[in-house]
Protein backbone atom coordinates (compact mmCIF):
# COMPACT_ATOMS: atom_id res chain seq x y z
CA MET A 1 0.00 0.00 0.00
CA ASN A 2 1.38 3.42 -0.95
CA LEU A 3 1.61 6.49 1.27
CA ALA A 4 -1.22 8.32 -0.52
CA LYS A 5 -3.65 5.49 0.17
CA ARG A 6 -2.56 5.22 3.81
CA ARG A 7 -3.08 8.95 4.23
CA ALA A 8 -6.52 8.72 2.65
CA ILE A 9 -7.49 5.92 5.07
CA PHE A 10 -6.53 8.00 8.11
CA GLU A 11 -8.17 11.12 6.68
CA THR A 12 -11.39 9.14 6.29
CA LEU A 13 -11.23 7.72 9.80
CA GLN A 14 -10.51 11.19 11.16
CA SER A 15 -13.50 12.68 9.34
CA LEU A 16 -15.74 10.03 10.92
CA ASN A 17 -14.32 10.45 14.43
CA PRO A 18 -12.22 13.60 14.90
CA HIS A 19 -11.47 13.02 18.60
CA PRO A 20 -11.28 9.28 19.28
CA THR A 21 -10.45 7.86 22.68
CA THR A 22 -10.56 4.65 24.65
CA GLU A 23 -13.89 3.12 25.68
CA LEU A 24 -12.43 2.27 29.09
CA GLU A 25 -13.75 4.57 31.81
CA TYR A 26 -11.15 6.46 33.84
CA THR A 27 -10.44 9.85 35.39
CA THR A 28 -6.72 9.61 36.25
CA PRO A 29 -3.64 7.95 34.75
CA PHE A 30 -3.74 5.43 37.61
CA GLU A 31 -7.35 4.47 36.90
CA LEU A 32 -6.47 4.08 33.22
CA LEU A 33 -3.49 1.87 34.07
CA ILE A 34 -5.65 -0.39 36.23
CA ALA A 35 -8.41 -0.56 33.61
CA VAL A 36 -5.97 -1.46 30.81
CA MET A 37 -4.34 -4.13 32.98
CA LEU A 38 -7.77 -5.64 33.59
CA SER A 39 -8.74 -5.47 29.91
CA ALA A 40 -6.36 -8.24 28.80
CA GLN A 41 -8.55 -11.02 27.35
CA ALA A 42 -11.64 -9.12 28.49
CA THR A 43 -14.01 -6.61 26.91
CA ASP A 44 -13.99 -2.94 27.80
CA ILE A 45 -17.65 -3.29 28.80
CA SER A 46 -16.86 -5.99 31.36
CA VAL A 47 -13.94 -3.97 32.73
CA ASN A 48 -16.07 -0.84 33.11
CA LYS A 49 -18.72 -2.80 35.00
CA ALA A 50 -16.05 -3.97 37.43
CA THR A 51 -14.14 -0.72 37.86
CA ARG A 52 -17.12 1.60 38.35
CA PRO A 53 -17.91 0.29 41.86
CA MET A 54 -14.26 -0.41 42.70
CA PHE A 55 -13.04 3.08 41.80
CA LYS A 56 -15.72 4.60 44.04
CA VAL A 57 -14.09 2.80 46.95
CA ALA A 58 -10.44 2.60 45.85
CA ASN A 59 -8.82 4.51 42.99
CA THR A 60 -5.28 5.18 44.20
CA PRO A 61 -2.33 2.83 44.79
CA GLN A 62 -2.74 3.17 48.57
CA THR A 63 -6.49 2.48 48.65
CA ILE A 64 -6.18 -0.46 46.22
CA LEU A 65 -3.41 -1.84 48.41
CA GLU A 66 -5.65 -1.52 51.45
CA LEU A 67 -8.31 -3.62 49.70
CA GLY A 68 -5.84 -6.52 49.44
CA GLU A 69 -6.09 -9.30 46.89
CA ALA A 70 -9.35 -10.61 48.30
CA GLY A 71 -10.89 -7.15 48.19
CA VAL A 72 -9.81 -6.59 44.60
CA ILE A 73 -11.12 -10.03 43.60
CA HIS A 74 -14.52 -9.09 45.06
CA TYR A 75 -14.82 -6.38 42.41
CA ILE A 76 -13.14 -8.03 39.41
CA LYS A 77 -14.26 -11.66 39.76
CA THR A 78 -16.45 -11.40 36.65
CA ILE A 79 -13.38 -10.70 34.50
CA GLY A 80 -11.23 -13.45 33.02
CA LEU A 81 -7.97 -14.31 34.81
CA PHE A 82 -9.19 -12.30 37.80
CA ARG A 83 -6.94 -14.00 40.36
CA THR A 84 -3.75 -13.32 38.42
CA LYS A 85 -4.90 -9.79 37.67
CA ALA A 86 -5.68 -9.11 41.34
CA LYS A 87 -2.21 -10.31 42.32
CA ASN A 88 -0.61 -8.07 39.68
CA LEU A 89 -2.69 -5.06 40.71
CA ILE A 90 -1.56 -5.36 44.32
CA ALA A 91 2.09 -5.84 43.33
CA THR A 92 1.90 -2.88 40.94
CA CYS A 93 0.42 -0.63 43.63
CA LYS A 94 3.22 -1.58 46.01
CA MET A 95 5.83 -0.78 43.38
CA LEU A 96 4.20 2.55 42.48
CA LEU A 97 4.24 3.60 46.14
CA GLU A 98 7.78 2.40 46.80
CA ASP A 99 9.48 3.50 43.58
CA TYR A 100 7.36 6.24 42.01
CA ALA A 101 5.79 8.13 44.93
CA GLY A 102 2.41 6.70 44.03
CA GLN A 103 2.45 8.22 40.53
CA VAL A 104 2.15 6.43 37.21
CA PRO A 105 5.44 6.90 35.32
CA ALA A 106 5.34 8.35 31.82
CA GLN A 107 8.28 6.30 30.54
CA ARG A 108 7.95 2.99 28.71
CA GLU A 109 10.74 1.21 30.56
CA ALA A 110 9.31 2.18 33.94
CA LEU A 111 5.79 1.14 32.97
CA GLU A 112 6.94 -2.22 31.64
CA SER A 113 8.74 -2.89 34.91
CA LEU A 114 5.39 -2.97 36.71
CA PRO A 115 3.91 -6.45 37.36
CA GLY A 116 1.35 -7.36 34.71
CA VAL A 117 2.27 -4.46 32.42
CA GLY A 118 3.53 -5.41 28.98
CA ARG A 119 4.31 -3.39 25.88
CA LYS A 120 0.67 -3.10 24.75
CA THR A 121 -0.53 -1.83 28.14
CA ALA A 122 2.39 0.60 28.33
CA ASN A 123 1.60 1.91 24.85
CA VAL A 124 -2.05 2.53 25.74
CA VAL A 125 -1.14 4.42 28.91
CA LEU A 126 1.59 6.45 27.19
CA ASN A 127 -0.80 7.38 24.40
CA THR A 128 -4.04 8.00 26.26
CA ALA A 129 -2.82 9.34 29.60
CA PHE A 130 0.33 11.16 28.48
CA GLY A 131 -0.37 12.07 24.84
CA GLN A 132 2.55 10.19 23.32
CA PRO A 133 2.16 8.97 19.69
CA THR A 134 2.40 5.27 20.52
CA ILE A 135 0.37 2.55 18.81
CA ALA A 136 -0.70 -0.40 20.94
CA VAL A 137 -1.33 -3.37 18.66
CA ASP A 138 -4.06 -5.63 20.00
CA THR A 139 -5.95 -8.35 18.12
CA HIS A 140 -8.25 -5.79 16.44
CA ILE A 141 -5.42 -3.59 15.18
CA PHE A 142 -3.35 -6.61 14.13
CA ARG A 143 -6.29 -7.86 12.07
CA VAL A 144 -7.13 -4.50 10.48
CA ALA A 145 -3.50 -3.73 9.65
CA ASN A 146 -3.05 -7.08 7.91
CA ARG A 147 -6.46 -7.39 6.29
CA THR A 148 -6.50 -3.91 4.76
CA GLY A 149 -2.84 -3.96 3.74
CA LEU A 150 -2.22 -0.85 5.86
CA ALA A 151 0.70 -2.39 7.78
CA PRO A 152 0.98 -6.16 7.27
CA GLY A 153 3.19 -8.19 9.57
CA LYS A 154 3.57 -11.68 11.00
CA ASP A 155 3.43 -10.57 14.64
CA VAL A 156 2.38 -7.58 16.73
CA ARG A 157 5.84 -6.07 16.98
CA VAL A 158 6.28 -6.10 13.20
CA VAL A 159 2.85 -4.51 12.75
CA GLU A 160 3.59 -1.91 15.43
CA ALA A 161 6.86 -0.97 13.75
CA ALA A 162 5.16 -0.77 10.34
CA LEU A 163 2.38 1.44 11.67
CA GLU A 164 4.89 3.74 13.36
CA LYS A 165 6.87 3.94 10.11
CA TYR A 166 4.03 4.41 7.63
CA THR A 167 1.41 6.38 9.59
CA PRO A 168 1.70 10.08 8.71
CA LYS A 169 2.92 12.04 11.72
CA GLU A 170 -0.25 14.08 12.18
CA PHE A 171 -2.32 10.90 12.60
CA GLN A 172 0.01 8.93 14.88
CA HIS A 173 -1.53 9.99 18.19
CA ASP A 174 -5.06 8.92 17.24
CA ALA A 175 -4.21 5.98 14.95
CA HIS A 176 -4.45 3.45 17.78
CA HIS A 177 -8.01 4.49 18.67
CA TRP A 178 -9.26 4.71 15.08
CA LEU A 179 -7.96 1.27 14.18
CA ILE A 180 -9.17 -0.49 17.32
CA LEU A 181 -12.66 0.98 16.98
CA HIS A 182 -12.74 0.12 13.28
CA GLY A 183 -11.79 -3.47 14.07
CA ARG A 184 -14.27 -3.71 16.91
CA TYR A 185 -17.32 -2.40 15.06
CA VAL A 186 -16.72 -2.70 11.29
CA CYS A 187 -13.75 -4.85 10.28
CA LYS A 188 -14.85 -7.68 12.57
CA ALA A 189 -12.95 -10.92 12.97
CA ARG A 190 -15.40 -13.48 11.65
CA ARG A 191 -17.10 -11.37 9.02
CA PRO A 192 -15.95 -7.85 8.14
CA GLU A 193 -18.87 -5.56 7.33
CA CYS A 194 -17.42 -4.24 4.08
CA TRP A 195 -20.81 -3.11 2.79
CA HIS A 196 -20.88 -0.09 5.13
CA CYS A 197 -17.13 0.42 5.61
CA MET A 198 -16.09 3.95 4.68
CA ILE A 199 -12.53 2.92 3.85
CA GLU A 200 -13.61 -0.05 1.71
CA PRO A 201 -12.58 1.64 -1.58
CA LEU A 202 -9.06 2.05 -0.17
CA CYS A 203 -8.81 -1.35 1.50
CA GLU A 204 -6.79 -4.08 -0.24
CA TYR A 205 -8.72 -7.00 1.29
CA LYS A 206 -9.56 -9.29 -1.61
CA THR A 207 -12.63 -11.08 -0.23
CA LYS A 208 -15.03 -8.15 0.30
CA THR A 209 -18.35 -9.04 1.90
CA LEU A 210 -21.83 -8.01 0.77
CA ALA A 211 -24.71 -6.87 2.94
CA PRO A 212 -26.67 -9.91 4.22
CA ASP A 213 -29.67 -9.26 1.94
CA LEU A 214 -27.49 -8.82 -1.15
CA GLU A 215 -25.47 -11.90 -0.25
CA LEU A 216 -28.69 -13.91 0.02
CA LYS A 217 -29.82 -12.70 -3.41
CA ALA A 218 -26.42 -13.53 -4.94
CA SER A 219 -26.57 -17.01 -3.42
CA ALA A 220 -30.08 -17.51 -4.79
CA ARG A 221 -28.96 -16.46 -8.27
CA GLN A 222 -26.07 -18.91 -8.18
CA SER A 223 -28.43 -21.69 -7.12
CA ARG A 224 -30.77 -20.98 -10.04
CA VAL A 225 -27.86 -21.01 -12.48
CA LYS A 226 -26.72 -24.43 -11.20
CA ILE A 227 -30.26 -25.83 -11.43
CA ASN A 228 -30.73 -24.57 -14.99
């Protein structure tokens, strides 16, 4: 895919959503960090349902620490891997208090040193909380980047590097949000909804899908041809 087409894709996504952001609910960098840590292998909806009541009671490293693992589990037990996540949350809060004066660091290396925080989580926090032009490649972005031809790659690090290299500078801060939302609601895993995709003319995916009613009509026509 050439630069002009990539630019046109981001211009289109920008026109549809000029100010994209995460669907996780948060009010501070710490709340965002906790929400992103909980979102691994879980939906944003399920995380928000868990964090709303928890953040009313505990939304700082000290108050989360005071809950203890059992207290955290009480709030997050509906989320996958909740025991491991509770353990990591407590360990992260301890480290934030001991090493960072209770503040979320704005440096990748420091973030990735926290228990349960990997590159993707660090990228989300750096981008959303601190305004850095990072791109966190999750399953949605990995799929969209490969399917459209925007930034194909065999693994998330290759895709991340390609997106950082080929995304025009003015779109880099919001690229993460546009692509994840596009993958979540339009370019879906099992069946991309090409028939109402605004970047479909620019997309290099070869097997474009039709609207369900048109697909049914096409199938019926094929059946008649075979019968005749």
